[in-house]
């Protein structure tokens, strides 16, 4: 049986590339494979996208295109009333 996990996010204080490698090694010990192209460490102040959600300064937000679509829909709904 195969099970695929598409995205996984692990948070910790002061994460380093060494921590990332330790985590990858832990998965490998249990027969799991990690694709290194998709594995990375983000610094606290970096804006990043995790499973389609934008995380900036510790706050999760919808991507800009979602905000724009919401504004557009609100305008269209206003025209109906």
N, C-alpha and C. Protein backbone atom coordinates (compact mmCIF):
# COMPACT_ATOMS: atom_id res chain seq x y z
N UNK A 1 0.84 -1.17 0.00
CA UNK A 1 0.00 0.00 0.00
C UNK A 1 0.89 1.24 0.00
N UNK A 2 0.49 2.26 -0.76
CA UNK A 2 1.22 3.52 -0.79
C UNK A 2 0.32 4.63 -0.28
N UNK A 3 0.89 5.51 0.50
CA UNK A 3 0.19 6.69 0.99
C UNK A 3 1.06 7.89 0.66
N UNK A 4 0.45 8.90 0.06
CA UNK A 4 1.20 10.11 -0.29
C UNK A 4 0.72 11.27 0.57
N UNK A 5 1.66 11.98 1.17
CA UNK A 5 1.36 13.20 1.91
C UNK A 5 1.88 14.33 1.06
N UNK A 6 0.99 15.20 0.66
CA UNK A 6 1.37 16.24 -0.29
C UNK A 6 2.19 17.35 0.36
N UNK A 7 1.75 17.86 1.47
CA UNK A 7 2.44 18.96 2.14
C UNK A 7 2.47 18.72 3.64
N UNK A 8 3.58 19.07 4.24
CA UNK A 8 3.73 18.94 5.68
C UNK A 8 4.51 20.14 6.17
N UNK A 9 4.04 20.75 7.23
CA UNK A 9 4.71 21.93 7.78
C UNK A 9 5.04 21.64 9.24
N UNK A 10 6.29 21.84 9.60
CA UNK A 10 6.74 21.65 10.97
C UNK A 10 7.32 22.97 11.45
N UNK A 11 6.84 23.46 12.58
CA UNK A 11 7.30 24.74 13.12
C UNK A 11 8.14 24.52 14.37
N UNK A 12 9.19 25.31 14.51
CA UNK A 12 10.01 25.27 15.71
C UNK A 12 10.79 26.58 15.81
N UNK A 13 11.22 26.87 17.00
CA UNK A 13 12.05 28.06 17.21
C UNK A 13 13.44 27.81 16.65
N UNK A 14 14.00 28.77 15.96
CA UNK A 14 15.39 28.71 15.49
C UNK A 14 15.70 27.47 14.65
N UNK A 15 14.82 27.11 13.73
CA UNK A 15 15.06 25.94 12.88
C UNK A 15 16.26 26.19 11.97
N UNK A 16 17.00 25.13 11.69
CA UNK A 16 18.18 25.24 10.83
C UNK A 16 18.14 24.14 9.78
N UNK A 17 19.06 24.21 8.84
CA UNK A 17 19.17 23.15 7.84
C UNK A 17 19.54 21.83 8.50
N UNK A 18 20.28 21.88 9.60
CA UNK A 18 20.62 20.68 10.35
C UNK A 18 19.36 20.04 10.93
N UNK A 19 18.45 20.88 11.45
CA UNK A 19 17.18 20.36 11.97
C UNK A 19 16.38 19.71 10.85
N UNK A 20 16.36 20.33 9.68
CA UNK A 20 15.64 19.77 8.54
C UNK A 20 16.21 18.40 8.17
N UNK A 21 17.53 18.30 8.15
CA UNK A 21 18.15 17.02 7.81
C UNK A 21 17.81 15.95 8.85
N UNK A 22 17.77 16.34 10.13
CA UNK A 22 17.40 15.39 11.18
C UNK A 22 15.98 14.87 10.96
N UNK A 23 15.07 15.78 10.60
CA UNK A 23 13.68 15.39 10.35
C UNK A 23 13.61 14.43 9.16
N UNK A 24 14.33 14.75 8.08
CA UNK A 24 14.36 13.87 6.90
C UNK A 24 14.89 12.50 7.29
N UNK A 25 15.93 12.47 8.12
CA UNK A 25 16.50 11.20 8.58
C UNK A 25 15.49 10.39 9.39
N UNK A 26 14.69 11.09 10.20
CA UNK A 26 13.67 10.39 11.00
C UNK A 26 12.63 9.73 10.10
N UNK A 27 12.21 10.43 9.05
CA UNK A 27 11.28 9.83 8.09
C UNK A 27 11.92 8.61 7.44
N UNK A 28 13.18 8.75 7.04
CA UNK A 28 13.88 7.64 6.37
C UNK A 28 13.99 6.42 7.28
N UNK A 29 14.20 6.64 8.57
CA UNK A 29 14.28 5.52 9.53
C UNK A 29 13.00 4.69 9.54
N UNK A 30 11.91 5.30 9.16
CA UNK A 30 10.62 4.62 9.15
C UNK A 30 10.19 4.24 7.74
N UNK A 31 11.16 4.27 6.81
CA UNK A 31 10.89 3.85 5.44
C UNK A 31 10.14 4.84 4.60
N UNK A 32 10.12 6.10 5.03
CA UNK A 32 9.42 7.15 4.29
C UNK A 32 10.40 7.98 3.49
N UNK A 33 9.97 8.48 2.36
CA UNK A 33 10.83 9.23 1.44
C UNK A 33 10.41 10.70 1.42
N UNK A 34 11.38 11.58 1.50
CA UNK A 34 11.14 13.03 1.44
C UNK A 34 11.78 13.56 0.16
N UNK A 35 11.05 14.37 -0.57
CA UNK A 35 11.61 14.97 -1.78
C UNK A 35 12.33 16.26 -1.41
N UNK A 36 13.64 16.25 -1.54
CA UNK A 36 14.45 17.38 -1.09
C UNK A 36 14.16 18.67 -1.84
N UNK A 37 13.69 18.58 -3.10
CA UNK A 37 13.36 19.80 -3.84
C UNK A 37 12.26 20.62 -3.16
N UNK A 38 11.39 19.94 -2.43
CA UNK A 38 10.26 20.62 -1.79
C UNK A 38 10.52 20.90 -0.31
N UNK A 39 11.69 20.55 0.20
CA UNK A 39 12.00 20.73 1.62
C UNK A 39 12.85 21.97 1.81
N UNK A 40 12.44 22.80 2.75
CA UNK A 40 13.22 24.02 3.00
C UNK A 40 12.92 24.58 4.39
N UNK A 41 13.82 25.42 4.84
CA UNK A 41 13.67 26.12 6.11
C UNK A 41 13.39 27.57 5.79
N UNK A 42 12.33 28.11 6.37
CA UNK A 42 11.99 29.52 6.21
C UNK A 42 12.39 30.26 7.47
N UNK A 43 12.91 31.43 7.31
CA UNK A 43 13.26 32.29 8.44
C UNK A 43 12.01 33.03 8.90
N UNK A 44 12.00 33.44 10.15
CA UNK A 44 10.82 34.04 10.76
C UNK A 44 10.24 35.20 9.95
N UNK A 45 11.05 36.07 9.42
CA UNK A 45 10.53 37.27 8.75
C UNK A 45 10.23 37.06 7.28
N UNK A 46 10.53 35.88 6.74
CA UNK A 46 10.26 35.61 5.33
C UNK A 46 8.77 35.39 5.09
N UNK A 47 8.28 35.95 3.99
CA UNK A 47 6.93 35.62 3.55
C UNK A 47 7.01 34.29 2.84
N UNK A 48 6.08 33.39 3.15
CA UNK A 48 6.13 32.07 2.53
C UNK A 48 4.72 31.57 2.26
N UNK A 49 4.62 30.66 1.34
CA UNK A 49 3.34 30.04 1.01
C UNK A 49 3.41 28.58 1.44
N UNK A 50 2.52 28.19 2.32
CA UNK A 50 2.47 26.83 2.83
C UNK A 50 1.08 26.28 2.54
N UNK A 51 1.01 25.26 1.74
CA UNK A 51 -0.24 24.63 1.30
C UNK A 51 -1.26 25.66 0.82
N UNK A 52 -0.78 26.64 0.05
CA UNK A 52 -1.66 27.64 -0.55
C UNK A 52 -2.01 28.80 0.36
N UNK A 53 -1.50 28.82 1.58
CA UNK A 53 -1.77 29.90 2.53
C UNK A 53 -0.51 30.74 2.68
N UNK A 54 -0.67 32.06 2.60
CA UNK A 54 0.47 32.97 2.76
C UNK A 54 0.69 33.20 4.24
N UNK A 55 1.92 33.01 4.70
CA UNK A 55 2.27 33.25 6.10
C UNK A 55 3.29 34.38 6.12
N UNK A 56 2.94 35.48 6.80
CA UNK A 56 3.83 36.63 6.88
C UNK A 56 3.80 37.16 8.30
N UNK A 57 4.96 37.29 8.90
CA UNK A 57 5.09 37.79 10.27
C UNK A 57 4.23 36.98 11.24
N UNK A 58 4.17 35.66 11.02
CA UNK A 58 3.43 34.79 11.92
C UNK A 58 1.92 34.81 11.74
N UNK A 59 1.44 35.51 10.72
CA UNK A 59 0.00 35.60 10.47
C UNK A 59 -0.33 34.90 9.16
N UNK A 60 -1.32 34.00 9.19
CA UNK A 60 -1.74 33.29 7.99
C UNK A 60 -2.83 34.11 7.28
N UNK A 61 -2.69 34.23 5.97
CA UNK A 61 -3.64 35.00 5.16
C UNK A 61 -3.92 34.24 3.87
N UNK A 62 -5.06 34.54 3.30
CA UNK A 62 -5.37 33.97 1.99
C UNK A 62 -4.48 34.65 0.96
N UNK A 63 -4.15 33.98 -0.14
CA UNK A 63 -3.35 34.60 -1.19
C UNK A 63 -4.08 35.82 -1.79
N UNK A 64 -3.31 36.75 -2.39
CA UNK A 64 -3.89 37.97 -2.94
C UNK A 64 -5.04 37.70 -3.90
N UNK A 65 -4.89 36.67 -4.76
CA UNK A 65 -5.94 36.43 -5.73
C UNK A 65 -7.26 36.06 -5.05
N UNK A 66 -7.19 35.47 -3.87
CA UNK A 66 -8.42 35.16 -3.13
C UNK A 66 -9.05 36.43 -2.58
N UNK A 67 -8.23 37.36 -2.08
CA UNK A 67 -8.75 38.64 -1.60
C UNK A 67 -9.39 39.41 -2.75
N UNK A 68 -8.71 39.43 -3.89
CA UNK A 68 -9.23 40.15 -5.05
C UNK A 68 -10.57 39.58 -5.49
N UNK A 69 -10.69 38.25 -5.48
CA UNK A 69 -11.94 37.61 -5.87
C UNK A 69 -13.05 37.95 -4.88
N UNK A 70 -12.74 38.01 -3.60
CA UNK A 70 -13.72 38.36 -2.58
C UNK A 70 -14.23 39.78 -2.79
N UNK A 71 -13.33 40.71 -3.06
CA UNK A 71 -13.72 42.10 -3.32
C UNK A 71 -14.60 42.17 -4.56
N UNK A 72 -14.22 41.46 -5.61
CA UNK A 72 -15.01 41.44 -6.84
C UNK A 72 -16.42 40.90 -6.57
N UNK A 73 -16.52 39.81 -5.84
CA UNK A 73 -17.84 39.24 -5.54
C UNK A 73 -18.69 40.18 -4.70
N UNK A 74 -18.08 40.87 -3.73
CA UNK A 74 -18.82 41.83 -2.92
C UNK A 74 -19.37 42.96 -3.78
N UNK A 75 -18.57 43.45 -4.74
CA UNK A 75 -19.03 44.50 -5.65
C UNK A 75 -20.20 44.01 -6.49
N UNK A 76 -20.09 42.78 -7.00
CA UNK A 76 -21.16 42.21 -7.81
C UNK A 76 -22.43 42.03 -6.99
N UNK A 77 -22.29 41.63 -5.74
CA UNK A 77 -23.46 41.45 -4.88
C UNK A 77 -24.12 42.79 -4.58
N UNK A 78 -23.31 43.84 -4.46
CA UNK A 78 -23.85 45.19 -4.21
C UNK A 78 -24.70 45.68 -5.36
N UNK A 79 -24.36 45.28 -6.57
CA UNK A 79 -25.12 45.67 -7.75
C UNK A 79 -26.48 44.98 -7.81
N UNK A 80 -26.62 43.86 -7.12
CA UNK A 80 -27.86 43.11 -7.13
C UNK A 80 -28.90 43.69 -6.19
N UNK A 81 -28.48 44.43 -5.18
CA UNK A 81 -29.43 44.95 -4.19
C UNK A 81 -30.04 46.24 -4.59
